[in-house]
Amino acid sequence: MYVSILTGRVAKENWVPLERSFEKEVTKRPPKGLMDSYLVQSEDDPASWQVVSIWATKAEFKDFEKTEQANVFVELLCDGGTVPNRLGYVTVGRYERV
């Protein structure tokens, strides 16, 4: 598995558009290889948001990263005046409650 975390600052007037875009682009049209994804907002710094995505493989994430769908989130996370940061992680352990 491969984990991607996109972090950025979002102006308050774009919180709802970001939530709607996540619903439209991820929940209703999940890209190939996406296993799980979360849109999270900091309680301590509400302008700080992350899109945390879990992919089946790094290759499938890299294919997605080149698409227009990936750019939607980057653009929305740019609106706070900063360039969003994306970090990738290789999964080395996992726990799942069943």
C-alpha atoms as a PDB file:
ATOM      1  CA  MET A   1       0.000   0.000   0.000  1.00  0.00           C
ATOM      2  CA  TYR A   2       0.971   3.619  -0.558  1.00  0.00           C
ATOM      3  CA  VAL A   3      -0.245   6.646   1.405  1.00  0.00           C
ATOM      4  CA  SER A   4      -0.386  10.183   0.028  1.00  0.00           C
ATOM      5  CA  ILE A   5      -1.022  13.209   2.253  1.00  0.00           C
ATOM      6  CA  LEU A   6      -1.778  16.538   0.578  1.00  0.00           C
ATOM      7  CA  THR A   7      -1.633  19.444   3.054  1.00  0.00           C
ATOM      8  CA  GLY A   8      -2.626  23.044   2.508  1.00  0.00           C
ATOM      9  CA  ARG A   9      -4.369  26.083   3.864  1.00  0.00           C
ATOM     10  CA  VAL A  10      -7.923  26.814   2.776  1.00  0.00           C
ATOM     11  CA  ALA A  11      -9.704  30.155   3.088  1.00  0.00           C
ATOM     12  CA  LYS A  12     -12.919  29.885   5.102  1.00  0.00           C
ATOM     13  CA  GLU A  13     -15.104  30.726   2.101  1.00  0.00           C
ATOM     14  CA  ASN A  14     -13.717  27.653   0.314  1.00  0.00           C
ATOM     15  CA  TRP A  15     -14.295  25.084   3.057  1.00  0.00           C
ATOM     16  CA  VAL A  16     -17.708  24.058   1.679  1.00  0.00           C
ATOM     17  CA  PRO A  17     -16.489  23.992  -1.965  1.00  0.00           C
ATOM     18  CA  LEU A  18     -13.594  21.766  -0.864  1.00  0.00           C
ATOM     19  CA  GLU A  19     -15.975  19.394   0.920  1.00  0.00           C
ATOM     20  CA  ARG A  20     -18.243  19.287  -2.134  1.00  0.00           C
ATOM     21  CA  SER A  21     -15.304  18.649  -4.456  1.00  0.00           C
ATOM     22  CA  PHE A  22     -14.134  15.795  -2.251  1.00  0.00           C
ATOM     23  CA  GLU A  23     -17.639  14.301  -2.322  1.00  0.00           C
ATOM     24  CA  LYS A  24     -17.878  14.675  -6.103  1.00  0.00           C
ATOM     25  CA  GLU A  25     -14.343  13.668  -7.096  1.00  0.00           C
ATOM     26  CA  VAL A  26     -13.558  10.953  -4.544  1.00  0.00           C
ATOM     27  CA  THR A  27     -16.751   9.542  -3.090  1.00  0.00           C
ATOM     28  CA  LYS A  28     -18.717   9.424  -6.334  1.00  0.00           C
ATOM     29  CA  ARG A  29     -15.859   8.920  -8.829  1.00  0.00           C
ATOM     30  CA  PRO A  30     -13.047   7.142  -6.968  1.00  0.00           C
ATOM     31  CA  PRO A  31      -9.932   6.807  -9.100  1.00  0.00           C
ATOM     32  CA  LYS A  32      -8.532   3.384  -9.929  1.00  0.00           C
ATOM     33  CA  GLY A  33      -6.419   2.027  -7.097  1.00  0.00           C
ATOM     34  CA  LEU A  34      -7.788   4.328  -4.378  1.00  0.00           C
ATOM     35  CA  MET A  35      -8.629   2.152  -1.390  1.00  0.00           C
ATOM     36  CA  ASP A  36      -9.548   4.779   1.207  1.00  0.00           C
ATOM     37  CA  SER A  37      -9.454   8.556   1.498  1.00  0.00           C
ATOM     38  CA  TYR A  38     -10.117  11.164   4.166  1.00  0.00           C
ATOM     39  CA  LEU A  39     -10.604  14.911   4.003  1.00  0.00           C
ATOM     40  CA  VAL A  40      -9.501  16.270   7.388  1.00  0.00           C
ATOM     41  CA  GLN A  41      -9.527  19.723   8.956  1.00  0.00           C
ATOM     42  CA  SER A  42      -7.373  20.721  11.920  1.00  0.00           C
ATOM     43  CA  GLU A  43      -9.225  21.570  15.124  1.00  0.00           C
ATOM     44  CA  ASP A  44      -6.261  23.651  16.301  1.00  0.00           C
ATOM     45  CA  ASP A  45      -5.811  25.558  13.016  1.00  0.00           C
ATOM     46  CA  PRO A  46      -9.088  25.366  11.037  1.00  0.00           C
ATOM     47  CA  ALA A  47      -7.518  26.773   7.854  1.00  0.00           C
ATOM     48  CA  SER A  48      -5.216  23.714   7.738  1.00  0.00           C
ATOM     49  CA  TRP A  49      -6.646  20.808   5.721  1.00  0.00           C
ATOM     50  CA  GLN A  50      -5.342  17.466   4.466  1.00  0.00           C
ATOM     51  CA  VAL A  51      -6.435  14.913   1.919  1.00  0.00           C
ATOM     52  CA  VAL A  52      -5.151  11.557   3.199  1.00  0.00           C
ATOM     53  CA  SER A  53      -5.372   8.826   0.565  1.00  0.00           C
ATOM     54  CA  ILE A  54      -4.522   5.144   0.728  1.00  0.00           C
ATOM     55  CA  TRP A  55      -3.647   3.515  -2.581  1.00  0.00           C
ATOM     56  CA  ALA A  56      -3.248  -0.122  -3.558  1.00  0.00           C
ATOM     57  CA  THR A  57       0.128   0.658  -5.165  1.00  0.00           C
ATOM     58  CA  LYS A  58       2.459   3.599  -5.655  1.00  0.00           C
ATOM     59  CA  ALA A  59       2.143   3.153  -9.431  1.00  0.00           C
ATOM     60  CA  GLU A  60      -1.638   3.668  -9.275  1.00  0.00           C
ATOM     61  CA  PHE A  61      -1.129   6.830  -7.229  1.00  0.00           C
ATOM     62  CA  LYS A  62       1.446   8.114  -9.744  1.00  0.00           C
ATOM     63  CA  ASP A  63      -1.044   7.492 -12.587  1.00  0.00           C
ATOM     64  CA  PHE A  64      -3.713   9.444 -10.679  1.00  0.00           C
ATOM     65  CA  GLU A  65      -1.320  12.283  -9.842  1.00  0.00           C
ATOM     66  CA  LYS A  66      -1.046  13.129 -13.570  1.00  0.00           C
ATOM     67  CA  THR A  67      -4.815  13.593 -13.994  1.00  0.00           C
ATOM     68  CA  GLU A  68      -7.042  16.659 -13.949  1.00  0.00           C
ATOM     69  CA  GLN A  69      -8.942  15.100 -11.043  1.00  0.00           C
ATOM     70  CA  ALA A  70      -5.804  15.369  -8.874  1.00  0.00           C
ATOM     71  CA  ASN A  71      -5.444  19.060  -9.776  1.00  0.00           C
ATOM     72  CA  VAL A  72      -8.861  19.928  -8.282  1.00  0.00           C
ATOM     73  CA  PHE A  73      -7.567  19.420  -4.751  1.00  0.00           C
ATOM     74  CA  VAL A  74      -4.236  21.100  -5.345  1.00  0.00           C
ATOM     75  CA  GLU A  75      -6.030  24.206  -6.646  1.00  0.00           C
ATOM     76  CA  LEU A  76      -8.459  24.357  -3.715  1.00  0.00           C
ATOM     77  CA  LEU A  77      -5.628  23.937  -1.221  1.00  0.00           C
ATOM     78  CA  CYS A  78      -3.708  26.778  -2.940  1.00  0.00           C
ATOM     79  CA  ASP A  79      -6.386  29.342  -2.180  1.00  0.00           C
ATOM     80  CA  GLY A  80      -5.061  30.084   1.307  1.00  0.00           C
ATOM     81  CA  GLY A  81      -2.017  31.770  -0.177  1.00  0.00           C
ATOM     82  CA  THR A  82       0.385  28.879   0.232  1.00  0.00           C
ATOM     83  CA  VAL A  83       1.522  26.105  -2.077  1.00  0.00           C
ATOM     84  CA  PRO A  84       0.153  22.769  -0.854  1.00  0.00           C
ATOM     85  CA  ASN A  85       2.617  20.125   0.156  1.00  0.00           C
ATOM     86  CA  ARG A  86       2.279  16.452  -0.795  1.00  0.00           C
ATOM     87  CA  LEU A  87       4.197  13.714   0.957  1.00  0.00           C
ATOM     88  CA  GLY A  88       4.157  10.030   0.057  1.00  0.00           C
ATOM     89  CA  TYR A  89       4.573   7.168   2.499  1.00  0.00           C
ATOM     90  CA  VAL A  90       5.247   3.470   2.053  1.00  0.00           C
ATOM     91  CA  THR A  91       3.145   1.362   4.405  1.00  0.00           C
ATOM     92  CA  VAL A  92       5.320  -0.676   6.777  1.00  0.00           C
ATOM     93  CA  GLY A  93       2.653  -1.835   9.227  1.00  0.00           C
ATOM     94  CA  ARG A  94      -1.106  -1.994   9.511  1.00  0.00           C
ATOM     95  CA  TYR A  95      -3.841  -2.735  12.018  1.00  0.00           C
ATOM     96  CA  GLU A  96      -7.507  -3.085  11.117  1.00  0.00           C
ATOM     97  CA  ARG A  97     -10.265  -3.694  13.632  1.00  0.00           C
ATOM     98  CA  VAL A  98     -12.868  -6.106  12.300  1.00  0.00           C
END
